[in-house]
């Protein structure tokens, strides 16, 4: 609605399912077109959607992680791959595919990030000792030292971020592990 002074006046529509104020649905009720909302969803409120909540929490967690690794000159994905490589390398040669699988990262993106880490002198790509087609990734002493400094900040960030869960952190971690397993 437009007010006499040209400003947009707040709109309010009420039906049995929901309330709409300023073009945004509020209140409760089924969310079906024709019931006061345009999105055909089974959730009465947006915050009832586990997928949306996961997205929102993930965005906030990633922002906190980006801030935690920034002082080390790393992006979050660079940290994840460098730390994962440092972790996996204790068991022998690590291929790019094994690293991408471990970190659940896209293989093409992984390759690009590894090139950047290699250019920074944080890892090497060497001939694989048993597979002539593959390259073995090896973290340099500088890369290992950086990963070990950064992991302290990352784990402190995680502790602060998940502190709200208190004793529920272990159950939350178990639920995440179950979702990861089910997703393949």
N, C-alpha and C. Protein backbone atom coordinates (compact mmCIF):
# COMPACT_ATOMS: atom_id res chain seq x y z
N UNK A 1 0.83 -1.17 0.00
CA UNK A 1 0.00 0.00 0.00
C UNK A 1 0.87 1.24 0.00
N UNK A 2 0.41 2.28 -0.63
CA UNK A 2 1.14 3.54 -0.63
C UNK A 2 0.35 4.55 0.17
N UNK A 3 1.00 5.18 1.13
CA UNK A 3 0.37 6.19 1.97
C UNK A 3 0.26 7.48 1.18
N UNK A 4 -0.58 8.42 1.65
CA UNK A 4 -0.74 9.68 0.94
C UNK A 4 0.58 10.43 0.72
N UNK A 5 1.55 10.25 1.62
CA UNK A 5 2.83 10.96 1.45
C UNK A 5 3.78 10.22 0.51
N UNK A 6 3.34 9.11 -0.09
CA UNK A 6 4.16 8.36 -1.04
C UNK A 6 4.95 7.23 -0.40
N UNK A 7 4.96 7.16 0.93
CA UNK A 7 5.69 6.09 1.61
C UNK A 7 4.90 4.81 1.55
N UNK A 8 5.60 3.72 1.63
CA UNK A 8 4.92 2.43 1.62
C UNK A 8 4.44 2.13 3.02
N UNK A 9 3.15 1.93 3.15
CA UNK A 9 2.57 1.63 4.45
C UNK A 9 2.70 0.15 4.73
N UNK A 10 2.83 -0.22 6.00
CA UNK A 10 2.90 -1.64 6.34
C UNK A 10 1.63 -2.35 5.91
N UNK A 11 1.79 -3.53 5.37
CA UNK A 11 0.63 -4.32 4.99
C UNK A 11 0.43 -5.40 6.02
N UNK A 12 -0.83 -5.73 6.25
CA UNK A 12 -1.13 -6.77 7.22
C UNK A 12 -2.31 -7.55 6.68
N UNK A 13 -2.10 -8.83 6.43
CA UNK A 13 -3.16 -9.70 5.97
C UNK A 13 -3.27 -10.86 6.94
N UNK A 14 -4.46 -11.18 7.35
CA UNK A 14 -4.65 -12.24 8.33
C UNK A 14 -5.58 -13.28 7.73
N UNK A 15 -5.19 -14.53 7.86
CA UNK A 15 -6.09 -15.62 7.54
C UNK A 15 -5.88 -16.70 8.59
N UNK A 16 -6.50 -17.83 8.42
CA UNK A 16 -6.42 -18.89 9.42
C UNK A 16 -5.03 -19.48 9.54
N UNK A 17 -4.18 -19.31 8.52
CA UNK A 17 -2.88 -19.99 8.52
C UNK A 17 -1.73 -19.10 8.96
N UNK A 18 -1.76 -17.79 8.62
CA UNK A 18 -0.58 -16.98 8.93
C UNK A 18 -0.90 -15.50 8.93
N UNK A 19 0.09 -14.75 9.32
CA UNK A 19 0.03 -13.30 9.30
C UNK A 19 1.16 -12.81 8.41
N UNK A 20 0.89 -11.80 7.61
CA UNK A 20 1.93 -11.22 6.76
C UNK A 20 2.09 -9.77 7.14
N UNK A 21 3.30 -9.38 7.53
CA UNK A 21 3.61 -8.00 7.83
C UNK A 21 4.79 -7.57 6.98
N UNK A 22 4.72 -6.40 6.39
CA UNK A 22 5.81 -5.86 5.57
C UNK A 22 6.23 -6.86 4.50
N UNK A 23 5.31 -7.64 3.96
CA UNK A 23 5.63 -8.58 2.90
C UNK A 23 6.33 -9.83 3.38
N UNK A 24 6.38 -10.05 4.70
CA UNK A 24 7.09 -11.20 5.25
C UNK A 24 6.14 -11.97 6.14
N UNK A 25 6.14 -13.29 5.98
CA UNK A 25 5.24 -14.12 6.76
C UNK A 25 5.73 -14.24 8.19
N UNK A 26 4.81 -14.07 9.12
CA UNK A 26 5.11 -14.28 10.53
C UNK A 26 3.98 -15.07 11.14
N UNK A 27 4.17 -15.58 12.31
CA UNK A 27 3.11 -16.35 12.94
C UNK A 27 3.26 -17.82 12.63
N UNK A 28 2.21 -18.57 12.82
CA UNK A 28 2.29 -20.00 12.59
C UNK A 28 1.21 -20.46 11.64
N UNK A 29 1.30 -21.70 11.25
CA UNK A 29 0.32 -22.28 10.35
C UNK A 29 1.00 -23.01 9.21
N UNK A 30 0.25 -23.80 8.50
CA UNK A 30 0.80 -24.52 7.35
C UNK A 30 1.19 -23.53 6.28
N UNK A 31 2.27 -23.83 5.58
CA UNK A 31 2.80 -22.93 4.57
C UNK A 31 2.53 -23.48 3.19
N UNK A 32 1.36 -23.26 2.71
CA UNK A 32 0.98 -23.69 1.37
C UNK A 32 0.49 -22.47 0.61
N UNK A 33 0.79 -22.40 -0.68
CA UNK A 33 0.26 -21.28 -1.45
C UNK A 33 -1.25 -21.19 -1.25
N UNK A 34 -1.71 -19.96 -1.12
CA UNK A 34 -3.12 -19.76 -0.86
C UNK A 34 -3.43 -19.70 0.62
N UNK A 35 -2.45 -20.04 1.45
CA UNK A 35 -2.65 -20.00 2.90
C UNK A 35 -1.88 -18.82 3.50
N UNK A 36 -1.62 -17.78 2.72
CA UNK A 36 -0.93 -16.61 3.22
C UNK A 36 0.55 -16.58 2.91
N UNK A 37 1.10 -17.66 2.38
CA UNK A 37 2.52 -17.72 2.05
C UNK A 37 2.69 -18.19 0.63
N UNK A 38 3.80 -17.85 0.05
CA UNK A 38 4.06 -18.23 -1.34
C UNK A 38 4.88 -19.50 -1.47
N UNK A 39 5.60 -19.88 -0.45
CA UNK A 39 6.47 -21.05 -0.53
C UNK A 39 5.72 -22.30 -0.09
N UNK A 40 5.69 -23.30 -0.93
CA UNK A 40 4.99 -24.56 -0.64
C UNK A 40 5.88 -25.43 0.23
N UNK A 41 5.88 -25.16 1.53
CA UNK A 41 6.72 -25.90 2.47
C UNK A 41 5.86 -26.56 3.53
N UNK A 42 6.37 -27.61 4.11
CA UNK A 42 5.66 -28.29 5.20
C UNK A 42 5.95 -27.65 6.55
N UNK A 43 6.88 -26.68 6.60
CA UNK A 43 7.28 -26.09 7.87
C UNK A 43 6.48 -24.84 8.18
N UNK A 44 5.89 -24.79 9.39
CA UNK A 44 5.13 -23.60 9.76
C UNK A 44 6.03 -22.37 9.93
N UNK A 45 7.25 -22.58 10.32
CA UNK A 45 8.23 -21.49 10.49
C UNK A 45 9.51 -21.87 9.76
N UNK A 46 10.20 -20.90 9.25
CA UNK A 46 11.47 -21.17 8.56
C UNK A 46 12.44 -21.88 9.48
N UNK A 47 12.44 -21.50 10.76
CA UNK A 47 13.38 -22.10 11.71
C UNK A 47 12.99 -23.52 12.13
N UNK A 48 11.93 -24.07 11.55
CA UNK A 48 11.59 -25.47 11.77
C UNK A 48 12.28 -26.37 10.75
N UNK A 49 12.92 -25.78 9.74
CA UNK A 49 13.59 -26.55 8.69
C UNK A 49 15.01 -26.90 9.13
N UNK A 50 15.33 -28.19 9.30
CA UNK A 50 16.69 -28.55 9.70
C UNK A 50 17.71 -28.15 8.65
N UNK A 51 17.32 -28.20 7.38
CA UNK A 51 18.25 -27.82 6.31
C UNK A 51 18.60 -26.35 6.37
N UNK A 52 17.60 -25.50 6.58
CA UNK A 52 17.88 -24.06 6.70
C UNK A 52 18.71 -23.77 7.94
N UNK A 53 18.36 -24.40 9.04
CA UNK A 53 19.15 -24.19 10.26
C UNK A 53 20.59 -24.63 10.07
N UNK A 54 20.80 -25.78 9.43
CA UNK A 54 22.17 -26.24 9.16
C UNK A 54 22.91 -25.22 8.30
N UNK A 55 22.24 -24.70 7.28
CA UNK A 55 22.84 -23.68 6.41
C UNK A 55 23.24 -22.45 7.23
N UNK A 56 22.32 -21.95 8.04
CA UNK A 56 22.58 -20.74 8.81
C UNK A 56 23.72 -20.93 9.80
N UNK A 57 23.71 -22.04 10.52
CA UNK A 57 24.77 -22.32 11.49
C UNK A 57 26.10 -22.51 10.78
N UNK A 58 26.09 -23.22 9.66
CA UNK A 58 27.32 -23.44 8.89
C UNK A 58 27.91 -22.12 8.43
N UNK A 59 27.07 -21.20 7.96
CA UNK A 59 27.57 -19.90 7.51
C UNK A 59 28.25 -19.15 8.65
N UNK A 60 27.64 -19.19 9.82
CA UNK A 60 28.22 -18.49 10.98
C UNK A 60 29.50 -19.17 11.44
N UNK A 61 29.50 -20.50 11.45
CA UNK A 61 30.70 -21.24 11.86
C UNK A 61 31.84 -20.97 10.88
N UNK A 62 31.55 -21.00 9.57
CA UNK A 62 32.59 -20.75 8.57
C UNK A 62 33.16 -19.33 8.71
N UNK A 63 32.31 -18.36 9.00
CA UNK A 63 32.79 -16.99 9.19
C UNK A 63 33.74 -16.93 10.38
N UNK A 64 33.39 -17.61 11.46
CA UNK A 64 34.26 -17.65 12.64
C UNK A 64 35.59 -18.34 12.30
N UNK A 65 35.53 -19.42 11.53
CA UNK A 65 36.75 -20.13 11.14
C UNK A 65 37.63 -19.28 10.22
N UNK A 66 37.00 -18.58 9.28
CA UNK A 66 37.79 -17.69 8.40
C UNK A 66 38.55 -16.66 9.22
N UNK A 67 37.89 -16.10 10.22
CA UNK A 67 38.55 -15.12 11.08
C UNK A 67 39.67 -15.76 11.89
N UNK A 68 39.48 -17.00 12.30
CA UNK A 68 40.50 -17.70 13.11
C UNK A 68 41.77 -17.99 12.32
N UNK A 69 41.63 -18.33 11.04
CA UNK A 69 42.82 -18.70 10.25
C UNK A 69 43.43 -17.53 9.49
N UNK A 70 42.72 -16.42 9.42
CA UNK A 70 43.23 -15.26 8.67
C UNK A 70 44.60 -14.78 9.17
N UNK A 71 44.85 -14.72 10.48
CA UNK A 71 46.17 -14.28 10.94
C UNK A 71 47.32 -15.18 10.48
N UNK A 72 47.01 -16.38 10.06
CA UNK A 72 48.03 -17.33 9.59
C UNK A 72 48.23 -17.25 8.08
N UNK A 73 47.51 -16.34 7.42
CA UNK A 73 47.64 -16.18 5.98
C UNK A 73 46.99 -17.31 5.18
N UNK A 74 46.02 -17.96 5.79
CA UNK A 74 45.34 -19.09 5.15
C UNK A 74 43.86 -18.80 5.00
N UNK A 75 43.26 -19.37 3.96
CA UNK A 75 41.81 -19.42 3.87
C UNK A 75 41.37 -20.64 4.67
N UNK A 76 40.08 -20.72 4.93
CA UNK A 76 39.60 -21.88 5.68
C UNK A 76 39.86 -23.19 4.94
N UNK A 77 39.59 -23.22 3.64
CA UNK A 77 39.81 -24.46 2.89
C UNK A 77 41.30 -24.79 2.81
N UNK A 78 42.16 -23.79 2.72
CA UNK A 78 43.60 -24.05 2.74
C UNK A 78 44.00 -24.69 4.07
N UNK A 79 43.46 -24.16 5.15
CA UNK A 79 43.76 -24.77 6.45
C UNK A 79 43.27 -26.21 6.50
N UNK A 80 42.03 -26.46 6.08
CA UNK A 80 41.47 -27.81 6.15
C UNK A 80 42.33 -28.79 5.37
N UNK A 81 42.75 -28.41 4.17
CA UNK A 81 43.56 -29.33 3.36
C UNK A 81 44.97 -29.49 3.93
N UNK A 82 45.56 -28.41 4.40
CA UNK A 82 46.91 -28.51 4.98
C UNK A 82 46.88 -29.34 6.26
N UNK A 83 45.91 -29.10 7.13
CA UNK A 83 45.80 -29.87 8.37
C UNK A 83 45.46 -31.33 8.07
N UNK A 84 44.57 -31.56 7.11
CA UNK A 84 44.23 -32.94 6.74
C UNK A 84 45.43 -33.67 6.19
N UNK A 85 46.21 -33.00 5.35
CA UNK A 85 47.42 -33.63 4.81
C UNK A 85 48.41 -33.94 5.93
N UNK A 86 48.58 -33.01 6.86
CA UNK A 86 49.49 -33.24 7.98
C UNK A 86 49.03 -34.44 8.80
N UNK A 87 47.71 -34.56 9.01
CA UNK A 87 47.13 -35.68 9.76
C UNK A 87 47.34 -37.00 9.01
N UNK A 88 46.98 -37.01 7.72
CA UNK A 88 47.03 -38.25 6.94
C UNK A 88 48.46 -38.71 6.65
N UNK A 89 49.40 -37.79 6.56
CA UNK A 89 50.77 -38.14 6.17
C UNK A 89 51.46 -39.04 7.18
N UNK A 90 50.94 -39.13 8.39
CA UNK A 90 51.57 -40.02 9.38
C UNK A 90 51.42 -41.49 8.99
N UNK A 91 50.47 -41.77 8.07
CA UNK A 91 50.24 -43.16 7.64
C UNK A 91 50.92 -43.48 6.31
N UNK A 92 51.75 -42.58 5.78
CA UNK A 92 52.43 -42.84 4.52
C UNK A 92 52.01 -41.85 3.44
N UNK A 93 52.38 -42.15 2.18
CA UNK A 93 52.08 -41.23 1.07
C UNK A 93 50.59 -40.97 0.93
N UNK A 94 50.26 -39.72 0.61
CA UNK A 94 48.86 -39.30 0.48
C UNK A 94 48.64 -38.81 -0.95
N UNK A 95 47.65 -39.36 -1.61
CA UNK A 95 47.31 -38.88 -2.96
C UNK A 95 46.32 -37.73 -2.84
N UNK A 96 46.22 -36.98 -3.92
CA UNK A 96 45.27 -35.88 -3.96
C UNK A 96 43.85 -36.40 -3.77
N UNK A 97 43.54 -37.54 -4.37
CA UNK A 97 42.20 -38.13 -4.22
C UNK A 97 41.92 -38.51 -2.77
N UNK A 98 42.90 -39.11 -2.10
CA UNK A 98 42.71 -39.48 -0.70
C UNK A 98 42.50 -38.24 0.17
N UNK A 99 43.23 -37.18 -0.13
CA UNK A 99 43.08 -35.94 0.62
C UNK A 99 41.69 -35.34 0.38
N UNK A 100 41.26 -35.27 -0.87
CA UNK A 100 39.94 -34.72 -1.19
C UNK A 100 38.84 -35.56 -0.54
N UNK A 101 38.99 -36.87 -0.55
CA UNK A 101 38.01 -37.74 0.08
C UNK A 101 37.94 -37.48 1.58
N UNK A 102 39.09 -37.38 2.21
CA UNK A 102 39.16 -37.14 3.66
C UNK A 102 38.50 -35.82 4.03
N UNK A 103 38.77 -34.78 3.26
CA UNK A 103 38.25 -33.45 3.56
C UNK A 103 36.86 -33.21 2.98
N UNK A 104 36.38 -34.15 2.17
CA UNK A 104 35.08 -34.02 1.49
C UNK A 104 35.04 -32.74 0.64
N UNK A 105 36.13 -32.52 -0.09
CA UNK A 105 36.22 -31.36 -0.98
C UNK A 105 36.16 -31.81 -2.42
N UNK A 106 35.74 -30.90 -3.28
CA UNK A 106 35.68 -31.16 -4.71
C UNK A 106 37.08 -31.38 -5.25
N UNK A 107 37.31 -32.44 -6.04
CA UNK A 107 38.66 -32.72 -6.54
C UNK A 107 39.29 -31.58 -7.34
N UNK A 108 38.51 -30.90 -8.17
CA UNK A 108 39.07 -29.78 -8.95
C UNK A 108 39.47 -28.62 -8.04
N UNK A 109 38.61 -28.29 -7.10
CA UNK A 109 38.92 -27.22 -6.16
C UNK A 109 40.12 -27.61 -5.31
N UNK A 110 40.18 -28.87 -4.91
CA UNK A 110 41.31 -29.35 -4.12
C UNK A 110 42.61 -29.14 -4.88
N UNK A 111 42.61 -29.47 -6.16
CA UNK A 111 43.80 -29.29 -6.99
C UNK A 111 44.24 -27.83 -7.02
N UNK A 112 43.30 -26.92 -7.18
CA UNK A 112 43.62 -25.49 -7.22
C UNK A 112 44.20 -25.01 -5.89
N UNK A 113 43.60 -25.44 -4.80
CA UNK A 113 44.08 -25.03 -3.48
C UNK A 113 45.46 -25.61 -3.22
N UNK A 114 45.68 -26.86 -3.62
CA UNK A 114 47.00 -27.48 -3.43
C UNK A 114 48.08 -26.74 -4.21
N UNK A 115 47.74 -26.28 -5.41
CA UNK A 115 48.71 -25.49 -6.19
C UNK A 115 49.11 -24.23 -5.42
N UNK A 116 48.12 -23.57 -4.82
CA UNK A 116 48.40 -22.35 -4.05
C UNK A 116 49.26 -22.67 -2.83
N UNK A 117 48.96 -23.76 -2.14
CA UNK A 117 49.77 -24.15 -0.97
C UNK A 117 51.18 -24.54 -1.38
N UNK A 118 51.30 -25.19 -2.53
CA UNK A 118 52.62 -25.55 -3.05
C UNK A 118 53.42 -24.30 -3.40
N UNK A 119 52.77 -23.32 -4.01
CA UNK A 119 53.44 -22.07 -4.37
C UNK A 119 53.92 -21.32 -3.12
N UNK A 120 53.25 -21.53 -2.00
CA UNK A 120 53.66 -20.90 -0.73
C UNK A 120 54.73 -21.71 -0.01
N UNK A 121 55.12 -22.84 -0.58
CA UNK A 121 56.15 -23.67 0.03
C UNK A 121 55.66 -24.50 1.20
N UNK A 122 54.34 -24.76 1.27
CA UNK A 122 53.78 -25.49 2.39
C UNK A 122 53.62 -26.98 2.13
N UNK A 123 53.73 -27.38 0.86
CA UNK A 123 53.69 -28.80 0.51
C UNK A 123 54.41 -29.02 -0.81
N UNK A 124 54.74 -30.28 -1.06
CA UNK A 124 55.36 -30.71 -2.32
C UNK A 124 54.50 -31.80 -2.93
N UNK A 125 54.59 -31.90 -4.25
CA UNK A 125 53.99 -33.03 -4.95
C UNK A 125 55.16 -33.86 -5.49
N UNK A 126 55.25 -35.07 -5.01
CA UNK A 126 56.36 -35.94 -5.38
C UNK A 126 55.84 -37.16 -6.13
N UNK A 127 56.71 -37.85 -6.87
CA UNK A 127 56.26 -39.11 -7.48
C UNK A 127 55.79 -40.08 -6.39
N UNK A 128 54.66 -40.73 -6.63
CA UNK A 128 54.14 -41.70 -5.67
C UNK A 128 55.02 -42.93 -5.68
N UNK A 129 55.38 -43.49 -4.53
CA UNK A 129 56.31 -44.62 -4.50
C UNK A 129 55.77 -45.92 -5.10
N UNK A 130 54.44 -46.08 -5.15
CA UNK A 130 53.89 -47.35 -5.65
C UNK A 130 52.95 -47.18 -6.85
N UNK A 131 52.53 -45.97 -7.15
CA UNK A 131 51.59 -45.73 -8.25
C UNK A 131 52.19 -44.68 -9.17
N UNK A 132 52.70 -45.12 -10.33
CA UNK A 132 53.37 -44.20 -11.25
C UNK A 132 52.44 -43.13 -11.82
N UNK A 133 51.13 -43.38 -11.79
CA UNK A 133 50.18 -42.40 -12.32
C UNK A 133 49.88 -41.29 -11.32
N UNK A 134 50.10 -41.55 -10.05
CA UNK A 134 49.71 -40.61 -9.00
C UNK A 134 50.91 -39.82 -8.49
N UNK A 135 50.60 -38.72 -7.85
CA UNK A 135 51.61 -37.91 -7.16
C UNK A 135 51.34 -38.03 -5.66
N UNK A 136 52.38 -38.11 -4.90
CA UNK A 136 52.25 -38.16 -3.45
C UNK A 136 52.40 -36.74 -2.92
N UNK A 137 51.51 -36.36 -2.05
CA UNK A 137 51.58 -35.05 -1.43
C UNK A 137 52.38 -35.15 -0.15
N UNK A 138 53.26 -34.21 0.06
CA UNK A 138 54.07 -34.20 1.27
C UNK A 138 54.08 -32.78 1.84
N UNK A 139 53.73 -32.67 3.10
CA UNK A 139 53.75 -31.38 3.76
C UNK A 139 55.21 -31.03 4.06
N UNK A 140 55.59 -29.78 3.86
CA UNK A 140 56.95 -29.33 4.16
C UNK A 140 57.04 -29.05 5.66
N UNK A 141 58.25 -28.94 6.19
CA UNK A 141 58.38 -28.57 7.61
C UNK A 141 57.65 -27.25 7.91
N UNK A 142 57.73 -26.29 6.98
CA UNK A 142 57.04 -25.01 7.18
C UNK A 142 55.53 -25.21 7.20
N UNK A 143 55.03 -26.07 6.31
CA UNK A 143 53.60 -26.36 6.27
C UNK A 143 53.12 -27.05 7.53
N UNK A 144 53.90 -28.00 8.00
CA UNK A 144 53.54 -28.71 9.23
C UNK A 144 53.52 -27.75 10.42
N UNK A 145 54.52 -26.89 10.50
CA UNK A 145 54.57 -25.92 11.61
C UNK A 145 53.37 -24.97 11.55
N UNK A 146 53.05 -24.50 10.35
CA UNK A 146 51.91 -23.60 10.20
C UNK A 146 50.60 -24.31 10.55
N UNK A 147 50.42 -25.53 10.08
CA UNK A 147 49.20 -26.29 10.40
C UNK A 147 49.07 -26.48 11.91
N UNK A 148 50.18 -26.75 12.58
CA UNK A 148 50.13 -26.97 14.02
C UNK A 148 49.89 -25.68 14.80
N UNK A 149 50.33 -24.55 14.30
CA UNK A 149 50.01 -23.26 14.95
C UNK A 149 48.55 -22.91 14.71
N UNK A 150 48.10 -23.08 13.48
CA UNK A 150 46.73 -22.70 13.13
C UNK A 150 45.69 -23.60 13.79
N UNK A 151 45.98 -24.88 13.96
CA UNK A 151 44.99 -25.79 14.55
C UNK A 151 44.65 -25.38 15.98
N UNK A 152 45.58 -24.75 16.68
CA UNK A 152 45.29 -24.28 18.03
C UNK A 152 44.20 -23.21 17.98
N UNK A 153 44.31 -22.28 17.04
CA UNK A 153 43.29 -21.23 16.88
C UNK A 153 41.96 -21.81 16.41
N UNK A 154 42.02 -22.77 15.49
CA UNK A 154 40.81 -23.38 14.96
C UNK A 154 40.07 -24.15 16.05
N UNK A 155 40.80 -24.90 16.84
CA UNK A 155 40.14 -25.67 17.90
C UNK A 155 39.61 -24.76 19.00
N UNK A 156 40.29 -23.64 19.28
CA UNK A 156 39.77 -22.66 20.24
C UNK A 156 38.49 -22.03 19.69
N UNK A 157 38.47 -21.75 18.40
CA UNK A 157 37.27 -21.21 17.75
C UNK A 157 36.12 -22.21 17.86
N UNK A 158 36.39 -23.47 17.59
CA UNK A 158 35.37 -24.51 17.71
C UNK A 158 34.84 -24.58 19.15
N UNK A 159 35.75 -24.57 20.12
CA UNK A 159 35.34 -24.66 21.53
C UNK A 159 34.41 -23.51 21.90
N UNK A 160 34.74 -22.30 21.45
CA UNK A 160 33.90 -21.15 21.75
C UNK A 160 32.56 -21.24 21.00
N UNK A 161 32.61 -21.63 19.74
CA UNK A 161 31.39 -21.68 18.92
C UNK A 161 30.41 -22.72 19.47
N UNK A 162 30.91 -23.89 19.85
CA UNK A 162 30.03 -24.97 20.28
C UNK A 162 29.81 -24.99 21.79
N UNK A 163 30.36 -24.02 22.51
CA UNK A 163 30.20 -23.97 23.97
C UNK A 163 28.73 -23.93 24.39
N UNK A 164 27.89 -23.33 23.59
CA UNK A 164 26.46 -23.26 23.88
C UNK A 164 25.86 -24.65 24.10
N UNK A 165 26.42 -25.64 23.44
CA UNK A 165 25.89 -27.00 23.55
C UNK A 165 26.25 -27.67 24.87
N UNK A 166 27.28 -27.16 25.53
CA UNK A 166 27.70 -27.74 26.81
C UNK A 166 27.98 -29.22 26.70
N UNK A 167 27.37 -29.98 27.60
CA UNK A 167 27.58 -31.43 27.60
C UNK A 167 26.94 -32.11 26.40
N UNK A 168 26.13 -31.38 25.65
CA UNK A 168 25.50 -31.94 24.45
C UNK A 168 26.44 -31.96 23.24
N UNK A 169 27.65 -31.44 23.39
CA UNK A 169 28.59 -31.40 22.26
C UNK A 169 28.91 -32.80 21.75
N UNK A 170 29.11 -33.75 22.65
CA UNK A 170 29.44 -35.11 22.22
C UNK A 170 28.28 -35.73 21.43
N UNK A 171 27.05 -35.51 21.88
CA UNK A 171 25.88 -36.05 21.16
C UNK A 171 25.73 -35.35 19.81
N UNK A 172 25.99 -34.04 19.76
CA UNK A 172 25.93 -33.30 18.51
C UNK A 172 26.97 -33.83 17.53
N UNK A 173 28.18 -34.07 18.02
CA UNK A 173 29.25 -34.61 17.18
C UNK A 173 28.86 -36.00 16.66
N UNK A 174 28.26 -36.81 17.50
CA UNK A 174 27.80 -38.14 17.07
C UNK A 174 26.71 -38.02 16.00
N UNK A 175 25.82 -37.05 16.14
CA UNK A 175 24.77 -36.85 15.15
C UNK A 175 25.38 -36.40 13.82
N UNK A 176 26.37 -35.51 13.87
CA UNK A 176 27.05 -35.09 12.64
C UNK A 176 27.75 -36.28 11.97
N UNK A 177 28.38 -37.11 12.79
CA UNK A 177 29.06 -38.30 12.25
C UNK A 177 28.05 -39.22 11.57
N UNK A 178 26.86 -39.40 12.17
CA UNK A 178 25.82 -40.24 11.57
C UNK A 178 25.35 -39.65 10.25
N UNK A 179 25.18 -38.34 10.18
CA UNK A 179 24.76 -37.69 8.93
C UNK A 179 25.83 -37.85 7.85
N UNK A 180 27.09 -37.68 8.24
CA UNK A 180 28.18 -37.84 7.28
C UNK A 180 28.23 -39.26 6.73
N UNK A 181 28.06 -40.23 7.60
CA UNK A 181 28.06 -41.63 7.20
C UNK A 181 26.89 -41.93 6.26
N UNK A 182 25.72 -41.45 6.61
CA UNK A 182 24.53 -41.70 5.79
C UNK A 182 24.64 -41.04 4.42
N UNK A 183 25.32 -39.88 4.37
CA UNK A 183 25.45 -39.16 3.11
C UNK A 183 26.48 -39.78 2.18
N UNK A 184 27.28 -40.69 2.72
CA UNK A 184 28.26 -41.38 1.88
C UNK A 184 29.56 -40.80 1.92
